[in-house]
Amino acid sequence: MKSDKKIFYIVDLIIAVLLIAADQLTKLLAVGKLRGSEDYIVIDGVFRLHYLENRGAAFSMLEDARVLFILVTAVMLVAVFYLLAKVPAGRHYLVWHISLTMIAAGGVGNLIDRLRLSYVIDFLYFSLIDFPVFNVADVCVTVGVLLLVIWVVFVCKDEDLKFMESAGRRQKKKEETGQKDV
């Protein structure tokens, strides 16, 4: 493995560990300070801290489908790690690394809750728009996906996505076009 790639993996790992730690720490604080208590109003009528044990997915859909959520998370993590392995090193692909790392960290943060508690601890609530209660892991996944979508739709060029082709397909294309490896 090239040293540039190793550095990116190390930075990805450090970012993921920090995000997972922030998620788990804030959930621990939520349990200690909010469980069984009244909401803590941060901005009256806009934002509050509200303890919730979410046994479903977003918006509490598919409540008590724990095994399904664990399997979906595992598949998502495999896909994210696969993409991270294929993303080239370099500043041009930094958004890919950050986005995929955020998605993975958020998935792991909520997976820890599901494996340990059978539910996910949520505590952030925008009462102004009555948005579902969420947590730091949810923020990581959402921001990671949004960054990636914006990057792919508005910034990426076709050649920026070539890394996603399998090596075999690239070799076959080279052979079909008469290109030689240099």
C-alpha atoms as a PDB file:
ATOM      1  CA  MET A   1       0.000   0.000   0.000  1.00  0.00           C
ATOM      2  CA  LYS A   2       1.331   3.409  -0.920  1.00  0.00           C
ATOM      3  CA  SER A   3       2.252   5.699   1.957  1.00  0.00           C
ATOM      4  CA  ASP A   4      -0.190   8.420   0.745  1.00  0.00           C
ATOM      5  CA  LYS A   5      -3.009   5.910   0.923  1.00  0.00           C
ATOM      6  CA  LYS A   6      -1.895   4.774   4.388  1.00  0.00           C
ATOM      7  CA  ILE A   7      -1.945   8.362   5.626  1.00  0.00           C
ATOM      8  CA  PHE A   8      -5.481   8.823   4.305  1.00  0.00           C
ATOM      9  CA  TYR A   9      -6.603   5.595   5.998  1.00  0.00           C
ATOM     10  CA  ILE A  10      -5.029   6.658   9.286  1.00  0.00           C
ATOM     11  CA  VAL A  11      -6.722  10.071   9.106  1.00  0.00           C
ATOM     12  CA  ASP A  12     -10.031   8.381   8.154  1.00  0.00           C
ATOM     13  CA  LEU A  13      -9.693   6.095  11.169  1.00  0.00           C
ATOM     14  CA  ILE A  14      -8.857   8.963  13.544  1.00  0.00           C
ATOM     15  CA  ILE A  15     -11.838  10.996  12.300  1.00  0.00           C
ATOM     16  CA  ALA A  16     -14.141   7.972  12.627  1.00  0.00           C
ATOM     17  CA  VAL A  17     -12.965   7.212  16.177  1.00  0.00           C
ATOM     18  CA  LEU A  18     -13.441  10.862  17.208  1.00  0.00           C
ATOM     19  CA  LEU A  19     -16.942  11.001  15.707  1.00  0.00           C
ATOM     20  CA  ILE A  20     -17.962   7.688  17.288  1.00  0.00           C
ATOM     21  CA  ALA A  21     -16.567   8.875  20.634  1.00  0.00           C
ATOM     22  CA  ALA A  22     -18.490  12.174  20.352  1.00  0.00           C
ATOM     23  CA  ASP A  23     -21.678  10.256  19.539  1.00  0.00           C
ATOM     24  CA  GLN A  24     -21.280   7.814  22.415  1.00  0.00           C
ATOM     25  CA  LEU A  25     -20.254  10.525  24.891  1.00  0.00           C
ATOM     26  CA  THR A  26     -23.242  12.727  24.047  1.00  0.00           C
ATOM     27  CA  LYS A  27     -25.554   9.724  24.354  1.00  0.00           C
ATOM     28  CA  LEU A  28     -24.033   8.901  27.740  1.00  0.00           C
ATOM     29  CA  LEU A  29     -24.617  12.499  28.836  1.00  0.00           C
ATOM     30  CA  ALA A  30     -28.183  12.338  27.519  1.00  0.00           C
ATOM     31  CA  VAL A  31     -28.874   9.223  29.584  1.00  0.00           C
ATOM     32  CA  GLY A  32     -27.350  10.777  32.701  1.00  0.00           C
ATOM     33  CA  LYS A  33     -28.924  14.220  32.417  1.00  0.00           C
ATOM     34  CA  LEU A  34     -32.110  13.819  30.378  1.00  0.00           C
ATOM     35  CA  ARG A  35     -33.545  10.353  31.015  1.00  0.00           C
ATOM     36  CA  GLY A  36     -36.610  10.700  33.213  1.00  0.00           C
ATOM     37  CA  SER A  37     -36.284  14.498  33.230  1.00  0.00           C
ATOM     38  CA  GLU A  38     -38.113  17.329  31.548  1.00  0.00           C
ATOM     39  CA  ASP A  39     -36.721  18.585  28.257  1.00  0.00           C
ATOM     40  CA  TYR A  40     -33.793  20.979  28.464  1.00  0.00           C
ATOM     41  CA  ILE A  41     -34.740  24.017  26.416  1.00  0.00           C
ATOM     42  CA  VAL A  42     -31.777  25.406  24.487  1.00  0.00           C
ATOM     43  CA  ILE A  43     -33.695  27.959  22.374  1.00  0.00           C
ATOM     44  CA  ASP A  44     -37.326  28.317  23.441  1.00  0.00           C
ATOM     45  CA  GLY A  45     -39.708  27.225  20.708  1.00  0.00           C
ATOM     46  CA  VAL A  46     -36.839  26.214  18.421  1.00  0.00           C
ATOM     47  CA  PHE A  47     -34.456  23.614  19.850  1.00  0.00           C
ATOM     48  CA  ARG A  48     -34.443  21.409  22.915  1.00  0.00           C
ATOM     49  CA  LEU A  49     -32.787  18.316  24.314  1.00  0.00           C
ATOM     50  CA  HIS A  50     -35.376  15.551  24.609  1.00  0.00           C
ATOM     51  CA  TYR A  51     -34.447  12.010  25.660  1.00  0.00           C
ATOM     52  CA  LEU A  52     -35.889   9.258  23.460  1.00  0.00           C
ATOM     53  CA  GLU A  53     -35.191   5.533  23.141  1.00  0.00           C
ATOM     54  CA  ASN A  54     -35.746   4.878  19.441  1.00  0.00           C
ATOM     55  CA  ARG A  55     -36.460   1.236  18.634  1.00  0.00           C
ATOM     56  CA  GLY A  56     -37.060   2.028  14.959  1.00  0.00           C
ATOM     57  CA  ALA A  57     -35.260   3.774  12.132  1.00  0.00           C
ATOM     58  CA  ALA A  58     -35.654   7.396  11.090  1.00  0.00           C
ATOM     59  CA  PHE A  59     -39.012   8.761  12.248  1.00  0.00           C
ATOM     60  CA  SER A  60     -39.366   5.543  14.348  1.00  0.00           C
ATOM     61  CA  MET A  61     -40.252   3.530  11.233  1.00  0.00           C
ATOM     62  CA  LEU A  62     -40.091  -0.267  11.440  1.00  0.00           C
ATOM     63  CA  GLU A  63     -40.120  -0.228  15.218  1.00  0.00           C
ATOM     64  CA  ASP A  64     -38.509  -3.290  16.847  1.00  0.00           C
ATOM     65  CA  ALA A  65     -36.864  -4.501  13.604  1.00  0.00           C
ATOM     66  CA  ARG A  66     -33.482  -4.646  15.382  1.00  0.00           C
ATOM     67  CA  VAL A  67     -32.056  -7.564  13.389  1.00  0.00           C
ATOM     68  CA  LEU A  68     -32.967  -5.880  10.098  1.00  0.00           C
ATOM     69  CA  PHE A  69     -31.253  -2.636  11.187  1.00  0.00           C
ATOM     70  CA  ILE A  70     -28.131  -4.515  12.238  1.00  0.00           C
ATOM     71  CA  LEU A  71     -27.976  -6.346   8.895  1.00  0.00           C
ATOM     72  CA  VAL A  72     -28.622  -3.185   6.857  1.00  0.00           C
ATOM     73  CA  THR A  73     -25.944  -1.338   8.840  1.00  0.00           C
ATOM     74  CA  ALA A  74     -23.467  -4.179   8.296  1.00  0.00           C
ATOM     75  CA  VAL A  75     -24.107  -4.151   4.525  1.00  0.00           C
ATOM     76  CA  MET A  76     -23.809  -0.344   4.454  1.00  0.00           C
ATOM     77  CA  LEU A  77     -20.506  -0.492   6.346  1.00  0.00           C
ATOM     78  CA  VAL A  78     -19.104  -3.108   3.963  1.00  0.00           C
ATOM     79  CA  ALA A  79     -20.087  -0.890   1.006  1.00  0.00           C
ATOM     80  CA  VAL A  80     -18.543   2.198   2.628  1.00  0.00           C
ATOM     81  CA  PHE A  81     -15.288   0.379   3.465  1.00  0.00           C
ATOM     82  CA  TYR A  82     -15.156  -1.007  -0.079  1.00  0.00           C
ATOM     83  CA  LEU A  83     -15.536   2.504  -1.518  1.00  0.00           C
ATOM     84  CA  LEU A  84     -12.975   3.910   0.911  1.00  0.00           C
ATOM     85  CA  ALA A  85     -10.519   1.246  -0.240  1.00  0.00           C
ATOM     86  CA  LYS A  86     -11.065   2.277  -3.869  1.00  0.00           C
ATOM     87  CA  VAL A  87     -10.986   6.068  -3.393  1.00  0.00           C
ATOM     88  CA  PRO A  88      -7.590   7.405  -4.440  1.00  0.00           C
ATOM     89  CA  ALA A  89      -5.441   9.384  -2.048  1.00  0.00           C
ATOM     90  CA  GLY A  90      -5.062  13.063  -2.745  1.00  0.00           C
ATOM     91  CA  ARG A  91      -6.708  16.372  -1.998  1.00  0.00           C
ATOM     92  CA  HIS A  92      -9.053  16.014  -4.958  1.00  0.00           C
ATOM     93  CA  TYR A  93     -10.734  13.051  -3.244  1.00  0.00           C
ATOM     94  CA  LEU A  94     -10.755  14.501   0.273  1.00  0.00           C
ATOM     95  CA  VAL A  95     -14.539  15.017   0.212  1.00  0.00           C
ATOM     96  CA  TRP A  96     -14.980  11.317  -0.587  1.00  0.00           C
ATOM     97  CA  HIS A  97     -12.846  10.337   2.393  1.00  0.00           C
ATOM     98  CA  ILE A  98     -14.589  12.736   4.778  1.00  0.00           C
ATOM     99  CA  SER A  99     -18.088  11.824   3.579  1.00  0.00           C
ATOM    100  CA  LEU A 100     -17.573   8.073   3.673  1.00  0.00           C
ATOM    101  CA  THR A 101     -15.864   8.292   7.057  1.00  0.00           C
ATOM    102  CA  MET A 102     -18.764  10.305   8.474  1.00  0.00           C
ATOM    103  CA  ILE A 103     -21.288   7.798   7.104  1.00  0.00           C
ATOM    104  CA  ALA A 104     -19.331   4.881   8.574  1.00  0.00           C
ATOM    105  CA  ALA A 105     -18.902   6.587  11.956  1.00  0.00           C
ATOM    106  CA  GLY A 106     -22.602   7.387  12.176  1.00  0.00           C
ATOM    107  CA  GLY A 107     -23.517   3.836  11.244  1.00  0.00           C
ATOM    108  CA  VAL A 108     -21.150   2.412  13.860  1.00  0.00           C
ATOM    109  CA  GLY A 109     -22.390   4.857  16.521  1.00  0.00           C
ATOM    110  CA  ASN A 110     -26.000   3.735  16.144  1.00  0.00           C
ATOM    111  CA  LEU A 111     -24.954   0.095  15.682  1.00  0.00           C
ATOM    112  CA  ILE A 112     -23.234   0.189  19.077  1.00  0.00           C
ATOM    113  CA  ASP A 113     -26.537   1.287  20.642  1.00  0.00           C
ATOM    114  CA  ARG A 114     -28.562  -1.375  18.837  1.00  0.00           C
ATOM    115  CA  LEU A 115     -26.158  -4.148  19.837  1.00  0.00           C
ATOM    116  CA  ARG A 116     -25.742  -2.932  23.423  1.00  0.00           C
ATOM    117  CA  LEU A 117     -29.222  -1.627  24.239  1.00  0.00           C
ATOM    118  CA  SER A 118     -31.587  -2.890  21.484  1.00  0.00           C
ATOM    119  CA  TYR A 119     -32.499   0.749  20.766  1.00  0.00           C
ATOM    120  CA  VAL A 120     -30.817   3.990  19.740  1.00  0.00           C
ATOM    121  CA  ILE A 121     -30.570   6.947  22.100  1.00  0.00           C
ATOM    122  CA  ASP A 122     -31.860  10.136  20.471  1.00  0.00           C
ATOM    123  CA  PHE A 123     -31.919  13.516  22.193  1.00  0.00           C
ATOM    124  CA  LEU A 124     -31.693  16.433  19.725  1.00  0.00           C
ATOM    125  CA  TYR A 125     -35.069  17.951  18.842  1.00  0.00           C
ATOM    126  CA  PHE A 126     -35.962  20.932  16.631  1.00  0.00           C
ATOM    127  CA  SER A 127     -39.385  21.779  18.037  1.00  0.00           C
ATOM    128  CA  LEU A 128     -39.824  24.743  15.661  1.00  0.00           C
ATOM    129  CA  ILE A 129     -40.367  22.383  12.733  1.00  0.00           C
ATOM    130  CA  ASP A 130     -41.338  19.331  14.823  1.00  0.00           C
ATOM    131  CA  PHE A 131     -38.431  17.417  13.284  1.00  0.00           C
ATOM    132  CA  PRO A 132     -37.940  13.863  14.606  1.00  0.00           C
ATOM    133  CA  VAL A 133     -35.555  13.506  17.551  1.00  0.00           C
ATOM    134  CA  PHE A 134     -32.050  12.511  16.414  1.00  0.00           C
ATOM    135  CA  ASN A 135     -28.450  12.138  17.649  1.00  0.00           C
ATOM    136  CA  VAL A 136     -24.847  12.883  16.661  1.00  0.00           C
ATOM    137  CA  ALA A 137     -24.552   9.635  14.657  1.00  0.00           C
ATOM    138  CA  ASP A 138     -27.597  10.654  12.608  1.00  0.00           C
ATOM    139  CA  VAL A 139     -25.963  14.029  11.952  1.00  0.00           C
ATOM    140  CA  CYS A 140     -22.796  12.274  10.749  1.00  0.00           C
ATOM    141  CA  VAL A 141     -24.698  10.043   8.321  1.00  0.00           C
ATOM    142  CA  THR A 142     -26.860  12.895   7.025  1.00  0.00           C
ATOM    143  CA  VAL A 143     -24.008  15.362   6.549  1.00  0.00           C
ATOM    144  CA  GLY A 144     -21.812  12.644   4.991  1.00  0.00           C
ATOM    145  CA  VAL A 145     -24.502  11.666   2.484  1.00  0.00           C
ATOM    146  CA  LEU A 146     -25.326  15.307   1.659  1.00  0.00           C
ATOM    147  CA  LEU A 147     -21.653  16.163   1.103  1.00  0.00           C
ATOM    148  CA  LEU A 148     -21.232  13.163  -1.161  1.00  0.00           C
ATOM    149  CA  VAL A 149     -24.385  13.869  -3.177  1.00  0.00           C
ATOM    150  CA  ILE A 150     -23.473  17.548  -3.625  1.00  0.00           C
ATOM    151  CA  TRP A 151     -19.933  16.578  -4.618  1.00  0.00           C
ATOM    152  CA  VAL A 152     -21.031  13.941  -7.142  1.00  0.00           C
ATOM    153  CA  VAL A 153     -23.854  16.010  -8.653  1.00  0.00           C
ATOM    154  CA  PHE A 154     -22.198  19.432  -8.806  1.00  0.00           C
ATOM    155  CA  VAL A 155     -18.428  18.941  -8.734  1.00  0.00           C
ATOM    156  CA  CYS A 156     -17.422  15.519 -10.054  1.00  0.00           C
ATOM    157  CA  LYS A 157     -16.533  14.896 -13.637  1.00  0.00           C
ATOM    158  CA  ASP A 158     -16.763  11.476 -15.277  1.00  0.00           C
ATOM    159  CA  GLU A 159     -13.027  10.880 -14.887  1.00  0.00           C
ATOM    160  CA  ASP A 160     -13.326  11.544 -11.131  1.00  0.00           C
ATOM    161  CA  LEU A 161     -15.462   8.420 -10.805  1.00  0.00           C
ATOM    162  CA  LYS A 162     -13.162   6.091 -12.769  1.00  0.00           C
ATOM    163  CA  PHE A 163     -11.794   4.667  -9.510  1.00  0.00           C
ATOM    164  CA  MET A 164     -15.132   2.915  -9.011  1.00  0.00           C
ATOM    165  CA  GLU A 165     -14.612   0.685 -12.020  1.00  0.00           C
ATOM    166  CA  SER A 166     -13.198  -2.690 -11.163  1.00  0.00           C
ATOM    167  CA  ALA A 167      -9.607  -3.372 -12.180  1.00  0.00           C
ATOM    168  CA  GLY A 168     -10.788  -6.129 -14.494  1.00  0.00           C
ATOM    169  CA  ARG A 169     -13.164  -3.824 -16.343  1.00  0.00           C
ATOM    170  CA  ARG A 170     -10.446  -1.176 -16.694  1.00  0.00           C
ATOM    171  CA  GLN A 171      -8.059  -3.762 -18.134  1.00  0.00           C
ATOM    172  CA  LYS A 172     -10.731  -5.023 -20.546  1.00  0.00           C
ATOM    173  CA  LYS A 173     -11.406  -1.449 -21.731  1.00  0.00           C
ATOM    174  CA  LYS A 174      -7.673  -0.919 -22.264  1.00  0.00           C
ATOM    175  CA  GLU A 175      -7.462  -4.083 -24.325  1.00  0.00           C
ATOM    176  CA  GLU A 176     -10.523  -3.104 -26.389  1.00  0.00           C
ATOM    177  CA  THR A 177      -9.115   0.353 -27.131  1.00  0.00           C
ATOM    178  CA  GLY A 178      -5.574  -0.897 -27.684  1.00  0.00           C
ATOM    179  CA  GLN A 179      -4.118   1.019 -24.722  1.00  0.00           C
ATOM    180  CA  LYS A 180      -1.042  -0.343 -23.012  1.00  0.00           C
ATOM    181  CA  ASP A 181      -0.056  -0.127 -19.360  1.00  0.00           C
ATOM    182  CA  VAL A 182       2.819   2.266 -18.826  1.00  0.00           C
END
